[in-house]
């Protein structure tokens, strides 16, 4: 069906499609990934869960990943989600599992958690230091500031505001807050957008990629990309990721 839709139909579908949480299965084969990260974030979390009596998941999205670890979850498990549309989705999924879901970490007492996990969410190193119990661990996978920069260039949009964000700056900040980084790694892979509707829907789902994105000001560029995609030339961009473990 997507192959038979014209430009206007694809844009309309992208602007009106329902998207909630971090469930990217909606894209199916419309956005594909070439290559794999040399680490498995989910397995890293599982490896540390068995030793944790308390857990915080920062930026849980709709709670999809955290729910997948149950049962069992640590006796004290909490999550935060700062993106307002995701908050009720996360609460509906996680509260029946006994998970407290908050907008941010301010309500949690000092030294509350043995393990804090974080996939693609901003964090404050000093707040991590406050929240971690003695001997506690912080595990994160992050999106680097240069992520998908070819996408921004193709649209003629602004680059990331925090293009310098990367593994080295993250390590420096954590060490400055009194944490010891005991493992680190970075890698990239190719992300391919096969139709213009998938690209626009993606920019809805991750609004920080092109802040304030709306298709209308970018229509000329979007039409040119659409024509390329129809000729078998999809848009390819490099995803940049890094991960680390600190205590």
Protein backbone atom coordinates (compact mmCIF):
# COMPACT_ATOMS: atom_id res chain seq x y z
CA UNK A 1 0.00 0.00 0.00
CA UNK A 2 2.80 2.45 0.89
CA UNK A 3 4.34 1.92 -2.56
CA UNK A 4 1.18 3.17 -4.26
CA UNK A 5 0.68 6.28 -2.11
CA UNK A 6 1.64 9.67 -3.54
CA UNK A 7 3.57 12.40 -1.71
CA UNK A 8 0.51 14.09 -0.18
CA UNK A 9 -0.94 10.78 1.02
CA UNK A 10 2.32 9.73 2.64
CA UNK A 11 2.70 13.07 4.44
CA UNK A 12 -0.91 12.96 5.66
CA UNK A 13 -0.48 9.39 6.92
CA UNK A 14 2.71 10.37 8.74
CA UNK A 15 1.10 13.40 10.39
CA UNK A 16 -1.98 11.52 11.60
CA UNK A 17 -0.63 8.06 12.50
CA UNK A 18 -0.87 7.13 16.18
CA UNK A 19 2.50 6.76 17.88
CA UNK A 20 3.04 6.28 21.60
CA UNK A 21 5.84 5.15 23.87
CA UNK A 22 9.00 3.93 22.17
CA UNK A 23 7.42 1.17 20.09
CA UNK A 24 9.16 1.57 16.74
CA UNK A 25 7.66 -1.63 15.31
CA UNK A 26 5.24 0.70 13.48
CA UNK A 27 8.03 1.41 10.98
CA UNK A 28 8.58 -2.26 10.10
CA UNK A 29 10.52 -2.43 6.81
CA UNK A 30 10.04 1.28 6.08
CA UNK A 31 13.10 2.10 8.20
CA UNK A 32 15.87 -0.49 8.22
CA UNK A 33 19.17 -0.85 10.03
CA UNK A 34 22.40 -2.17 8.56
CA UNK A 35 24.77 -3.43 11.21
CA UNK A 36 24.51 -4.20 14.90
CA UNK A 37 26.00 -2.72 18.02
CA UNK A 38 28.84 -4.75 19.55
CA UNK A 39 27.01 -4.80 22.88
CA UNK A 40 23.49 -5.87 23.83
CA UNK A 41 21.96 -3.27 26.15
CA UNK A 42 19.06 -5.50 27.18
CA UNK A 43 21.40 -8.34 28.09
CA UNK A 44 23.63 -5.97 30.03
CA UNK A 45 20.60 -4.91 32.07
CA UNK A 46 19.62 -8.53 32.72
CA UNK A 47 23.16 -9.33 33.83
CA UNK A 48 22.94 -6.66 36.55
CA UNK A 49 19.31 -7.11 37.60
CA UNK A 50 19.99 -10.27 39.57
CA UNK A 51 22.30 -8.38 41.91
CA UNK A 52 20.04 -5.35 42.43
CA UNK A 53 17.55 -4.93 45.25
CA UNK A 54 16.32 -1.64 43.80
CA UNK A 55 16.11 -0.33 40.25
CA UNK A 56 15.39 2.97 38.49
CA UNK A 57 14.71 3.14 34.75
CA UNK A 58 15.28 6.68 33.53
CA UNK A 59 13.32 7.69 30.43
CA UNK A 60 11.21 4.55 30.32
CA UNK A 61 9.15 5.73 27.32
CA UNK A 62 5.95 3.72 27.41
CA UNK A 63 7.56 1.21 29.79
CA UNK A 64 7.96 -1.37 27.02
CA UNK A 65 11.52 -2.41 27.83
CA UNK A 66 11.20 -2.32 31.61
CA UNK A 67 8.06 -4.46 31.48
CA UNK A 68 9.91 -7.02 29.39
CA UNK A 69 12.25 -7.71 32.34
CA UNK A 70 9.33 -8.83 34.54
CA UNK A 71 9.08 -11.12 36.30
CA UNK A 72 11.00 -10.68 38.39
CA UNK A 73 11.83 -7.04 38.91
CA UNK A 74 13.73 -5.92 42.02
CA UNK A 75 11.47 -5.41 45.08
CA UNK A 76 11.85 -1.65 44.75
CA UNK A 77 11.51 -0.61 41.11
CA UNK A 78 10.73 2.87 39.80
CA UNK A 79 10.79 4.65 36.47
CA UNK A 80 10.80 8.21 35.18
CA UNK A 81 9.38 9.60 31.95
CA UNK A 82 9.60 13.27 31.09
CA UNK A 83 7.84 13.21 27.70
CA UNK A 84 4.20 14.05 28.63
CA UNK A 85 2.47 11.90 25.97
CA UNK A 86 4.35 8.82 27.21
CA UNK A 87 3.63 9.25 30.92
CA UNK A 88 0.07 7.80 31.02
CA UNK A 89 1.17 4.98 28.69
CA UNK A 90 4.03 4.09 31.04
CA UNK A 91 1.83 4.23 34.13
CA UNK A 92 -0.82 2.01 32.56
CA UNK A 93 1.79 -0.59 31.67
CA UNK A 94 4.06 -0.44 34.73
CA UNK A 95 1.94 0.37 37.77
CA UNK A 96 0.17 -3.04 37.62
CA UNK A 97 3.68 -4.52 37.95
CA UNK A 98 4.28 -2.55 41.15
CA UNK A 99 6.48 0.06 39.49
CA UNK A 100 6.26 3.68 40.63
CA UNK A 101 6.34 6.03 37.62
CA UNK A 102 7.34 9.67 38.13
CA UNK A 103 8.02 12.60 35.82
CA UNK A 104 11.51 13.09 37.22
CA UNK A 105 13.78 11.97 40.07
CA UNK A 106 13.20 14.83 42.52
CA UNK A 107 10.80 12.82 44.69
CA UNK A 108 13.25 9.96 45.29
CA UNK A 109 15.36 10.05 48.49
CA UNK A 110 19.15 9.93 48.51
CA UNK A 111 20.82 6.54 47.95
CA UNK A 112 17.55 5.02 46.73
CA UNK A 113 18.79 2.65 44.03
CA UNK A 114 21.34 -0.12 43.59
CA UNK A 115 21.00 0.06 39.81
CA UNK A 116 20.01 2.93 37.52
CA UNK A 117 19.48 2.13 33.84
CA UNK A 118 19.07 4.66 31.09
CA UNK A 119 18.59 4.15 27.36
CA UNK A 120 18.72 7.34 25.32
CA UNK A 121 17.59 9.67 28.12
CA UNK A 122 19.35 12.83 29.34
CA UNK A 123 20.72 12.66 32.87
CA UNK A 124 22.48 14.77 35.49
CA UNK A 125 25.67 13.11 36.82
CA UNK A 126 25.30 14.82 40.20
CA UNK A 127 21.75 13.55 40.52
CA UNK A 128 22.95 10.03 39.69
CA UNK A 129 25.51 10.31 42.46
CA UNK A 130 22.77 11.37 44.88
CA UNK A 131 20.42 8.56 43.94
CA UNK A 132 22.86 5.66 43.84
CA UNK A 133 23.27 3.56 46.97
CA UNK A 134 26.83 2.78 48.13
CA UNK A 135 28.31 0.44 45.56
CA UNK A 136 25.48 1.26 43.15
CA UNK A 137 25.78 1.04 39.37
CA UNK A 138 24.72 3.25 36.47
CA UNK A 139 24.29 1.61 33.05
CA UNK A 140 23.44 3.70 30.01
CA UNK A 141 23.24 3.58 26.24
CA UNK A 142 23.22 7.03 24.69
CA UNK A 143 22.62 8.65 21.32
CA UNK A 144 25.66 10.76 20.40
CA UNK A 145 25.25 14.35 19.27
CA UNK A 146 26.22 13.57 15.66
CA UNK A 147 23.43 10.98 15.34
CA UNK A 148 21.82 10.89 11.87
CA UNK A 149 23.48 14.17 10.92
CA UNK A 150 23.04 13.31 7.22
CA UNK A 151 19.27 13.53 7.75
CA UNK A 152 19.54 17.10 9.02
CA UNK A 153 21.82 17.98 6.11
CA UNK A 154 19.42 16.45 3.56
CA UNK A 155 16.60 18.63 4.90
CA UNK A 156 18.78 21.72 5.08
CA UNK A 157 17.87 21.90 8.75
CA UNK A 158 20.01 22.90 11.71
CA UNK A 159 22.57 20.45 13.12
CA UNK A 160 22.13 19.07 16.61
CA UNK A 161 22.45 21.73 19.30
CA UNK A 162 24.65 19.36 21.30
CA UNK A 163 26.79 17.97 18.50
CA UNK A 164 29.75 17.63 20.88
CA UNK A 165 27.90 15.15 23.11
CA UNK A 166 29.73 11.83 23.02
CA UNK A 167 31.52 9.17 25.00
CA UNK A 168 34.46 11.32 26.09
CA UNK A 169 32.30 14.19 27.34
CA UNK A 170 30.00 11.76 29.17
CA UNK A 171 32.92 10.04 30.92
CA UNK A 172 34.46 13.36 31.94
CA UNK A 173 31.18 14.57 33.44
CA UNK A 174 30.54 11.35 35.38
CA UNK A 175 34.05 11.26 36.77
CA UNK A 176 33.68 14.89 37.75
CA UNK A 177 30.61 13.94 39.80
CA UNK A 178 32.53 11.26 41.69
CA UNK A 179 31.60 8.16 39.68
CA UNK A 180 34.07 5.63 38.33
CA UNK A 181 33.54 4.54 34.73
CA UNK A 182 34.49 0.87 34.56
CA UNK A 183 33.42 0.04 30.97
CA UNK A 184 32.79 2.09 27.85
CA UNK A 185 32.27 1.53 24.12
CA UNK A 186 31.01 3.41 21.07
CA UNK A 187 29.80 2.29 17.63
CA UNK A 188 27.65 3.23 14.66
CA UNK A 189 25.36 1.67 12.09
CA UNK A 190 23.45 2.76 8.99
CA UNK A 191 19.79 3.75 9.23
CA UNK A 192 17.88 3.75 5.93
CA UNK A 193 14.57 5.58 5.33
CA UNK A 194 12.73 3.96 2.42
CA UNK A 195 9.76 6.32 2.04
CA UNK A 196 9.07 9.95 2.86
CA UNK A 197 6.16 9.12 5.17
CA UNK A 198 8.44 7.01 7.36
CA UNK A 199 10.92 9.88 7.57
CA UNK A 200 8.25 12.39 8.61
CA UNK A 201 6.76 9.98 11.16
CA UNK A 202 10.25 9.37 12.56
CA UNK A 203 10.74 13.11 13.02
CA UNK A 204 7.43 13.22 14.89
CA UNK A 205 8.60 10.41 17.17
CA UNK A 206 11.99 11.99 17.90
CA UNK A 207 11.26 15.74 17.81
CA UNK A 208 14.73 16.65 19.06
CA UNK A 209 16.32 15.50 15.76
CA UNK A 210 15.03 18.61 13.95
CA UNK A 211 13.54 20.83 16.69
CA UNK A 212 10.19 22.32 15.74
CA UNK A 213 9.95 20.16 12.62
CA UNK A 214 6.89 20.67 10.45
CA UNK A 215 6.67 19.30 6.90
CA UNK A 216 5.45 22.53 5.30
CA UNK A 217 8.67 24.62 5.56
CA UNK A 218 10.65 21.61 4.31
CA UNK A 219 8.27 20.68 1.48
CA UNK A 220 10.71 21.34 -1.36
CA UNK A 221 13.39 19.18 0.25
CA UNK A 222 10.89 16.48 1.19
CA UNK A 223 9.56 16.32 -2.38
CA UNK A 224 13.10 15.95 -3.73
CA UNK A 225 13.83 13.16 -1.23
CA UNK A 226 10.52 11.52 -2.12
CA UNK A 227 11.48 11.53 -5.80
CA UNK A 228 14.85 9.97 -4.98
CA UNK A 229 13.21 7.27 -2.86
CA UNK A 230 10.78 6.44 -5.66
CA UNK A 231 13.79 6.00 -7.97
CA UNK A 232 15.34 3.50 -5.56
CA UNK A 233 17.65 5.92 -3.75
CA UNK A 234 16.59 5.85 -0.08
CA UNK A 235 17.99 8.25 2.49
CA UNK A 236 20.83 6.74 4.49
CA UNK A 237 22.23 8.21 7.70
CA UNK A 238 24.68 7.02 10.33
CA UNK A 239 23.40 6.30 13.83
CA UNK A 240 25.96 7.01 16.55
CA UNK A 241 25.69 5.21 19.90
CA UNK A 242 27.82 4.78 22.99
CA UNK A 243 27.38 2.86 26.21
CA UNK A 244 29.07 2.86 29.59
CA UNK A 245 28.93 1.40 33.06
CA UNK A 246 29.80 3.49 36.10
CA UNK A 247 29.74 3.00 39.84
